[in-house]
Amino acid sequence: MGTSHRYDVVVIGGGHNGLITAGLLAKRGLKTVVLEKRHKVGGAAVTEQPWGPDYKMTALSYVVSLMPPTVLRELELERHGYKIYPQHPYFVAYPDGRYLMMADDPKRRHAEISKFSRKDAAAMVEWDAWLASLAKVLGPLLTTIPPKIGSRSLGDLMAAAALAWRFRELSVQQVGDITKLMGSSVADLLEEHFESPQVKGVLSVSGVIGAWAGPRSPGTAYVMVHHKLGDVGHGQMGSWGFPEGGMGGVTQAMARAAEAQGATIVTHAAVSKILVRGGRACGVALANGDEYEADTVVATCHPKLTFLDFVDRKELPADFVKSIEGWKTRSGTVKVNVAVDKLPDFECKPGFDPEVHGGTIVLAQSLEDI
C-alpha cells in the first residue's frame, strides 16, 4: 500500500504550464502540489549537458515568447533568476555573395530590402502597420477562454455575446482580414504584398516553424501572425529572447517562484490514474501506489494521456472519447543540436556580428526552398 496525501489542487506535469499554474494557485491560498514523472521539472523547456560541463544545451524549446507580463509580475520571476537576452532578427546569407538583414530599425530594414526590391521595401512599411493592427485584436485573445459556441446554457451564451461585444469597433475590412487569415497559407498572403523571392522567403519562415505544414498549407498565415505576437515582457510586438541558462533557466525560475508561494513539487512521481468519484475527479494515483487526494486536478500533459490513459473511459462521454482517439497530433518538427568550436563565418558578411550570431540564421533562398 502506498501513502495517501491531501491537497486542494493536484497538478499533473512539471512543465512551464504546470509550474505557472501551481504558483498562481498557491499564491491565492490553495494547497497545491505538482507531480512530475522525470527527475527534474521543465517539460519541453529544459537545459541539458549531454556533452559535459562545457556546453549547456537547450534540448527542445529554444526561445522565450508570449510570456504574459501578468505572470512575470505575479510570480516575480525576475527575482527568482528569470533573465532574457532579446533575440536579434533574421539574417539570410545567399550563395551569390549577398545577404539580407531584417533589422529592427525601420530605416535599416528599408535599406536592406531595397537591395532586392524597392517596391518590397515600401510594402514592408504597410505590412508592419497591418500586423500591428492585427496584434491589437488577436493579442488579447491569447489569454481569453473561448466561448462554447453551440451551447445553449445562459452562461455560455452570455460569454459568446461578451466576446462579440469586444469586437464591435472592428471595421468590415478588419473582420474580413481576420477571417481570411485563418484559412490562408502564408504564401498566398505574402504573394499579395511582395515580389522578391528573398523577402517572401524570409517572411515565410515564421509560417512553418513548429507546424506540420509547408508555406502553401492553409492555416500557415495565422501561424506567421501568431509568431509576430510574441512578447517577452518588454512590450515590443514580435520580440523573442534567449534565456540566461537556457530554457531550463526559465522553468527553474518558475519552480523557485512556485515554491516561494507555497507550492510543493514532487519529482519521480509518475501518475498512473486520475481518480474519479461520482463523475468528478478527486485525485490521482501514482505508479508506486501513492495517492494524492484533491478537490481539483489540473492535467498539463498531452490530452490523449489524460483522457485515454489516466481516466477510465467509462467515466467520459462516448463521443468525446471517440474524438480524442481520432485526434491527430503528429509533428513535422525536427531539431538537431550541435556543439561547435567556433561561430560560423559567412563570406557575405565575415567576422563576428551580434545581430547575425545572436539572431536566427536562415539558409533558404526563397519561399520555394522553404
Protein backbone atom coordinates (compact mmCIF):
# COMPACT_ATOMS: atom_id res chain seq x y z
CA MET A 1 0.00 0.00 0.00
CA GLY A 2 1.21 3.47 -0.83
CA THR A 3 0.98 6.69 1.13
CA SER A 4 -2.05 8.99 0.95
CA HIS A 5 -1.72 12.79 0.73
CA ARG A 6 -4.34 15.55 0.76
CA TYR A 7 -4.17 18.81 -1.22
CA ASP A 8 -6.60 21.38 -2.60
CA VAL A 9 -5.14 21.06 -6.12
CA VAL A 10 -3.02 18.39 -7.82
CA VAL A 11 -1.16 19.49 -10.97
CA ILE A 12 -0.03 16.69 -13.27
CA GLY A 13 3.17 17.65 -15.08
CA GLY A 14 6.01 19.96 -14.11
CA GLY A 15 6.47 21.78 -17.40
CA HIS A 16 6.12 25.55 -17.69
CA ASN A 17 2.31 25.38 -17.73
CA GLY A 18 2.17 23.21 -14.63
CA LEU A 19 4.67 25.32 -12.69
CA ILE A 20 2.92 28.59 -13.50
CA THR A 21 -0.47 27.09 -12.63
CA ALA A 22 0.84 25.85 -9.28
CA GLY A 23 2.48 29.16 -8.45
CA LEU A 24 -0.59 31.24 -9.20
CA LEU A 25 -2.96 28.90 -7.32
CA ALA A 26 -0.65 28.69 -4.32
CA LYS A 27 -0.44 32.48 -4.24
CA ARG A 28 -4.22 32.51 -3.88
CA GLY A 29 -4.02 30.33 -0.80
CA LEU A 30 -4.67 26.88 -2.27
CA LYS A 31 -2.58 23.96 -1.03
CA THR A 32 -1.06 22.82 -4.34
CA VAL A 33 1.26 20.01 -5.41
CA VAL A 34 2.99 19.44 -8.78
CA LEU A 35 3.66 15.81 -9.76
CA GLU A 36 6.46 15.33 -12.32
CA LYS A 37 7.46 11.86 -13.53
CA ARG A 38 11.02 12.83 -14.53
CA HIS A 39 13.91 13.53 -12.19
CA LYS A 40 13.58 17.26 -12.81
CA VAL A 41 10.91 19.76 -13.79
CA GLY A 42 10.83 21.73 -17.03
CA GLY A 43 8.99 19.55 -19.54
CA ALA A 44 9.97 20.71 -23.02
CA ALA A 45 11.79 23.74 -21.55
CA VAL A 46 14.90 22.12 -20.08
CA THR A 47 18.65 22.64 -20.21
CA GLU A 48 20.81 19.54 -20.50
CA GLN A 49 24.54 18.80 -20.74
CA PRO A 50 24.98 15.68 -22.92
CA TRP A 51 28.50 16.78 -23.94
CA GLY A 52 29.78 17.57 -20.48
CA PRO A 53 30.01 20.71 -18.34
CA ASP A 54 31.36 22.99 -21.09
CA TYR A 55 28.06 23.01 -23.02
CA LYS A 56 24.61 23.92 -21.77
CA MET A 57 22.13 22.75 -24.37
CA THR A 58 18.51 23.80 -24.67
CA ALA A 59 17.19 20.42 -25.73
CA LEU A 60 13.69 21.10 -27.05
CA SER A 61 12.01 24.52 -26.75
CA TYR A 62 14.71 27.09 -27.51
CA VAL A 63 13.37 30.65 -27.24
CA VAL A 64 11.02 32.59 -24.98
CA SER A 65 8.00 34.42 -26.31
CA LEU A 66 4.34 35.00 -25.47
CA MET A 67 5.23 35.25 -21.78
CA PRO A 68 2.29 37.13 -20.23
CA PRO A 69 3.50 40.19 -18.29
CA THR A 70 0.95 39.33 -15.60
CA VAL A 71 2.79 36.06 -14.92
CA LEU A 72 6.11 37.88 -14.68
CA ARG A 73 4.65 40.31 -12.18
CA GLU A 74 2.55 37.95 -10.06
CA LEU A 75 5.26 35.31 -9.63
CA GLU A 76 8.12 37.85 -9.57
CA LEU A 77 10.07 35.64 -11.95
CA GLU A 78 12.95 38.05 -12.37
CA ARG A 79 13.57 37.89 -8.63
CA HIS A 80 13.93 34.12 -8.99
CA GLY A 81 16.51 34.25 -11.78
CA TYR A 82 14.48 34.82 -14.95
CA LYS A 83 16.61 36.86 -17.37
CA ILE A 84 16.12 37.26 -21.11
CA TYR A 85 18.51 38.48 -23.79
CA PRO A 86 16.49 39.82 -26.75
CA GLN A 87 16.89 37.81 -29.92
CA HIS A 88 18.06 39.70 -32.99
CA PRO A 89 16.08 39.40 -36.25
CA TYR A 90 16.52 37.04 -39.20
CA PHE A 91 19.74 37.01 -41.20
CA VAL A 92 19.84 35.29 -44.59
CA ALA A 93 23.05 34.52 -46.48
CA TYR A 94 22.82 33.89 -50.24
CA PRO A 95 25.21 31.88 -52.46
CA ASP A 96 25.66 34.89 -54.78
CA GLY A 97 27.50 36.78 -52.03
CA ARG A 98 24.61 38.97 -50.90
CA TYR A 99 22.76 38.89 -47.60
CA LEU A 100 19.53 40.21 -46.11
CA MET A 101 19.41 41.53 -42.56
CA MET A 102 15.88 42.05 -41.27
CA ALA A 103 16.93 44.75 -38.81
CA ASP A 104 14.58 46.04 -36.10
CA ASP A 105 15.20 49.65 -37.11
CA PRO A 106 12.71 50.53 -39.90
CA LYS A 107 15.22 52.70 -41.82
CA ARG A 108 17.88 50.00 -41.82
CA ARG A 109 15.33 47.34 -42.76
CA HIS A 110 14.12 49.56 -45.64
CA ALA A 111 17.69 49.89 -46.92
CA GLU A 112 18.33 46.15 -46.63
CA ILE A 113 15.18 45.17 -48.52
CA SER A 114 15.86 47.84 -51.15
CA LYS A 115 18.94 45.86 -52.19
CA PHE A 116 16.48 43.33 -53.63
CA SER A 117 13.32 45.35 -54.32
CA ARG A 118 12.42 48.98 -53.69
CA LYS A 119 8.77 48.07 -54.10
CA ASP A 120 9.07 45.49 -51.30
CA ALA A 121 10.85 47.98 -49.07
CA ALA A 122 7.87 50.30 -49.35
CA ALA A 123 5.40 47.43 -48.95
CA MET A 124 7.12 46.39 -45.71
CA VAL A 125 6.04 49.66 -44.08
CA GLU A 126 2.38 48.86 -44.82
CA TRP A 127 2.95 45.24 -43.77
CA ASP A 128 4.28 46.27 -40.35
CA ALA A 129 1.32 48.60 -39.80
CA TRP A 130 -1.13 45.86 -40.81
CA LEU A 131 0.47 43.36 -38.42
CA ALA A 132 0.33 45.91 -35.61
CA SER A 133 -3.40 46.43 -36.18
CA LEU A 134 -3.98 42.66 -36.12
CA ALA A 135 -1.97 42.34 -32.91
CA LYS A 136 -4.32 44.74 -31.13
CA VAL A 137 -7.23 42.45 -31.99
CA LEU A 138 -5.65 38.99 -31.73
CA GLY A 139 -3.22 39.63 -28.88
CA PRO A 140 -5.86 39.80 -26.11
CA LEU A 141 -7.48 36.60 -27.44
CA LEU A 142 -4.42 34.57 -26.43
CA THR A 143 -5.42 34.90 -22.78
CA THR A 144 -9.19 34.71 -23.35
CA ILE A 145 -11.08 31.48 -22.68
CA PRO A 146 -13.05 30.85 -25.89
CA PRO A 147 -16.84 30.69 -25.61
CA LYS A 148 -18.58 27.36 -26.09
CA ILE A 149 -20.16 28.02 -29.45
CA GLY A 150 -23.27 25.90 -29.86
CA SER A 151 -24.01 25.62 -26.16
CA ARG A 152 -27.48 26.79 -25.13
CA SER A 153 -26.72 27.44 -21.46
CA LEU A 154 -27.28 31.02 -20.33
CA GLY A 155 -23.71 31.41 -19.06
CA ASP A 156 -22.15 30.23 -22.33
CA LEU A 157 -24.49 32.43 -24.40
CA MET A 158 -23.53 35.44 -22.29
CA ALA A 159 -19.82 34.64 -22.72
CA ALA A 160 -20.23 34.47 -26.50
CA ALA A 161 -22.14 37.76 -26.52
CA ALA A 162 -19.46 39.42 -24.36
CA LEU A 163 -16.73 38.33 -26.79
CA ALA A 164 -18.73 39.65 -29.74
CA TRP A 165 -19.23 42.96 -27.93
CA ARG A 166 -15.45 43.37 -27.57
CA PHE A 167 -15.15 43.34 -31.36
CA ARG A 168 -17.92 45.86 -32.05
CA GLU A 169 -15.41 48.52 -33.17
CA LEU A 170 -13.80 46.37 -35.85
CA SER A 171 -14.28 47.56 -39.40
CA VAL A 172 -15.70 45.35 -42.14
CA GLN A 173 -12.19 45.23 -43.65
CA GLN A 174 -10.64 44.07 -40.37
CA VAL A 175 -13.23 41.33 -39.92
CA GLY A 176 -12.57 40.21 -43.49
CA ASP A 177 -8.79 40.22 -42.95
CA ILE A 178 -9.02 38.12 -39.79
CA THR A 179 -11.47 35.66 -41.34
CA LYS A 180 -9.29 35.27 -44.42
CA LEU A 181 -6.18 34.94 -42.29
CA MET A 182 -7.39 31.81 -40.51
CA GLY A 183 -7.69 29.74 -43.67
CA SER A 184 -4.96 31.20 -45.89
CA SER A 185 -1.45 29.98 -46.49
CA VAL A 186 1.45 32.26 -45.65
CA ALA A 187 2.49 32.01 -49.31
CA ASP A 188 -0.86 33.39 -50.53
CA LEU A 189 -0.61 36.23 -48.04
CA LEU A 190 2.97 37.19 -48.91
CA GLU A 191 2.42 36.99 -52.65
CA GLU A 192 -0.31 39.62 -52.31
CA HIS A 193 2.19 42.08 -50.80
CA PHE A 194 5.73 41.31 -52.01
CA GLU A 195 7.54 40.48 -55.24
CA SER A 196 11.14 39.46 -54.42
CA PRO A 197 11.88 35.79 -53.64
CA GLN A 198 14.25 36.91 -50.89
CA VAL A 199 11.63 38.81 -48.88
CA LYS A 200 8.91 36.21 -49.43
CA GLY A 201 11.37 33.50 -48.40
CA VAL A 202 12.46 35.02 -45.13
CA LEU A 203 8.96 36.06 -44.09
CA SER A 204 7.53 32.62 -44.87
CA VAL A 205 9.77 31.02 -42.24
CA SER A 206 7.50 32.23 -39.44
CA GLY A 207 4.56 30.44 -41.05
CA VAL A 208 6.08 26.97 -40.85
CA ILE A 209 8.08 26.95 -37.59
CA GLY A 210 6.73 24.19 -35.38
CA ALA A 211 3.94 23.36 -37.83
CA TRP A 212 3.20 20.16 -39.74
CA ALA A 213 2.95 22.22 -42.90
CA GLY A 214 4.71 23.93 -45.77
CA PRO A 215 4.28 27.60 -46.67
CA ARG A 216 1.47 26.77 -49.10
CA SER A 217 -0.55 24.87 -46.49
CA PRO A 218 -3.82 26.51 -45.38
CA GLY A 219 -3.59 28.00 -41.90
CA THR A 220 0.08 28.96 -42.04
CA ALA A 221 -0.84 32.62 -42.47
CA TYR A 222 -2.12 32.64 -38.89
CA VAL A 223 0.95 30.69 -37.69
CA MET A 224 3.06 33.57 -39.02
CA VAL A 225 0.93 36.19 -37.27
CA HIS A 226 0.94 34.16 -34.04
CA HIS A 227 4.74 34.29 -34.03
CA LYS A 228 4.62 38.04 -34.57
CA LEU A 229 2.51 38.42 -31.43
CA GLY A 230 5.47 37.27 -29.33
CA ASP A 231 6.22 39.36 -26.25
CA VAL A 232 8.94 38.55 -23.70
CA GLY A 233 7.51 41.07 -21.28
CA HIS A 234 9.06 44.27 -22.60
CA GLY A 235 6.06 45.47 -24.57
CA GLN A 236 7.59 45.09 -28.04
CA MET A 237 5.44 43.22 -30.53
CA GLY A 238 7.15 40.25 -32.12
CA SER A 239 10.07 40.18 -29.67
CA TRP A 240 11.69 36.87 -28.82
CA GLY A 241 14.51 36.16 -26.44
CA PHE A 242 17.17 33.74 -25.28
CA PRO A 243 17.06 32.99 -21.54
CA GLU A 244 20.17 33.01 -19.38
CA GLY A 245 20.95 29.39 -18.55
CA GLY A 246 18.93 28.11 -21.49
CA MET A 247 15.25 27.26 -21.35
CA GLY A 248 15.90 25.32 -18.16
CA GLY A 249 16.75 28.66 -16.59
CA VAL A 250 13.16 29.75 -17.26
CA THR A 251 11.47 26.72 -15.73
CA GLN A 252 13.86 26.64 -12.76
CA ALA A 253 12.88 30.25 -12.04
CA MET A 254 9.23 29.20 -12.30
CA ALA A 255 9.83 26.29 -9.92
CA ARG A 256 11.52 28.56 -7.37
CA ALA A 257 8.69 31.06 -7.69
CA ALA A 258 6.03 28.36 -7.21
CA GLU A 259 7.77 27.01 -4.12
CA ALA A 260 8.15 30.53 -2.74
CA GLN A 261 4.36 30.85 -2.94
CA GLY A 262 3.95 27.62 -1.00
CA ALA A 263 3.51 25.04 -3.76
CA THR A 264 5.02 21.57 -3.33
CA ILE A 265 6.93 19.97 -6.23
CA VAL A 266 7.43 16.19 -6.31
CA THR A 267 9.70 14.56 -8.93
CA HIS A 268 9.94 10.84 -9.79
CA ALA A 269 6.14 10.91 -9.43
CA ALA A 270 4.64 9.11 -12.43
CA VAL A 271 0.85 9.36 -12.47
CA SER A 272 -0.92 6.15 -13.46
CA LYS A 273 -4.56 7.10 -12.90
CA ILE A 274 -6.85 10.05 -12.27
CA LEU A 275 -9.27 9.03 -9.54
CA VAL A 276 -12.95 9.71 -10.23
CA ARG A 277 -15.82 9.60 -7.77
CA GLY A 278 -19.40 10.45 -8.66
CA GLY A 279 -18.41 11.68 -12.11
CA ARG A 280 -15.84 14.10 -10.70
CA ALA A 281 -12.04 13.97 -10.45
CA CYS A 282 -10.98 13.61 -6.83
CA GLY A 283 -7.25 12.95 -7.01
CA VAL A 284 -4.57 10.83 -8.66
CA ALA A 285 -2.76 7.54 -8.09
CA LEU A 286 0.95 7.16 -8.81
CA ALA A 287 2.70 4.18 -10.33
CA ASN A 288 4.34 3.48 -6.96
CA GLY A 289 0.97 3.21 -5.21
CA ASP A 290 0.88 6.63 -3.54
CA GLU A 291 -2.36 8.60 -3.82
CA TYR A 292 -2.95 12.35 -3.81
CA GLU A 293 -6.49 13.41 -2.99
CA ALA A 294 -7.71 16.83 -4.15
CA ASP A 295 -10.87 18.73 -4.99
CA THR A 296 -9.30 19.81 -8.29
CA VAL A 297 -6.95 18.02 -10.69
CA VAL A 298 -5.15 20.05 -13.35
CA ALA A 299 -3.60 17.96 -16.14
CA THR A 300 -0.93 19.74 -18.18
CA CYS A 301 0.17 16.60 -20.04
CA HIS A 302 -0.93 15.55 -23.51
CA PRO A 303 -4.76 15.30 -23.70
CA LYS A 304 -4.51 11.76 -25.10
CA LEU A 305 -2.64 10.70 -21.98
CA THR A 306 -5.13 12.48 -19.74
CA PHE A 307 -8.34 11.16 -21.25
CA LEU A 308 -7.30 7.82 -22.75
CA ASP A 309 -4.70 6.55 -20.27
CA PHE A 310 -5.29 8.29 -16.94
CA VAL A 311 -9.10 8.44 -16.90
CA ASP A 312 -11.28 5.34 -17.15
CA ARG A 313 -13.04 5.79 -20.50
CA LYS A 314 -16.33 4.68 -18.94
CA GLU A 315 -16.30 7.96 -17.00
CA LEU A 316 -16.37 10.03 -20.20
CA PRO A 317 -18.98 10.62 -22.93
CA ALA A 318 -18.52 8.13 -25.77
CA ASP A 319 -18.46 10.82 -28.47
CA PHE A 320 -15.75 12.72 -26.57
CA VAL A 321 -13.58 9.59 -26.26
CA LYS A 322 -14.02 8.91 -29.98
CA SER A 323 -12.92 12.48 -30.81
CA ILE A 324 -9.83 12.21 -28.62
CA GLU A 325 -8.93 8.82 -30.13
CA GLY A 326 -9.11 10.25 -33.64
CA TRP A 327 -7.25 13.47 -32.84
CA LYS A 328 -4.05 13.66 -34.93
CA THR A 329 -1.18 15.27 -33.05
CA ARG A 330 1.78 14.24 -35.18
CA SER A 331 4.63 16.70 -35.69
CA GLY A 332 6.87 17.51 -38.61
CA THR A 333 9.40 19.32 -36.46
CA VAL A 334 12.97 18.04 -36.38
CA LYS A 335 15.57 19.69 -34.15
CA VAL A 336 19.26 18.88 -34.42
CA ASN A 337 21.58 20.14 -31.67
CA VAL A 338 25.27 20.51 -32.46
CA ALA A 339 28.32 21.55 -30.45
CA VAL A 340 30.75 23.78 -32.38
CA ASP A 341 34.24 25.01 -31.56
CA LYS A 342 33.60 28.43 -33.13
CA LEU A 343 30.81 30.54 -34.57
CA PRO A 344 30.02 30.31 -38.31
CA ASP A 345 31.77 32.85 -40.53
CA PHE A 346 29.87 34.00 -43.62
CA GLU A 347 31.66 35.00 -46.81
CA CYS A 348 28.99 37.62 -47.48
CA LYS A 349 29.41 39.15 -44.00
CA PRO A 350 32.68 37.97 -42.43
CA GLY A 351 33.58 38.36 -38.78
CA PHE A 352 31.56 38.37 -35.57
CA ASP A 353 28.32 40.35 -35.59
CA PRO A 354 25.96 40.16 -32.58
CA GLU A 355 22.97 40.75 -34.86
CA VAL A 356 23.93 37.78 -37.02
CA HIS A 357 25.12 35.35 -34.37
CA GLY A 358 22.53 36.43 -31.80
CA GLY A 359 19.57 36.03 -34.11
CA THR A 360 18.00 33.46 -36.42
CA ILE A 361 20.16 32.41 -39.36
CA VAL A 362 18.08 31.31 -42.35
CA LEU A 363 19.64 29.12 -45.05
CA ALA A 364 16.97 29.32 -47.75
CA GLN A 365 16.91 31.50 -50.84
CA SER A 366 13.16 31.63 -51.44
CA LEU A 367 9.70 30.55 -50.41
CA GLU A 368 10.08 27.59 -52.76
CA ASP A 369 13.18 26.49 -50.82
CA ILE A 370 11.21 26.60 -47.57
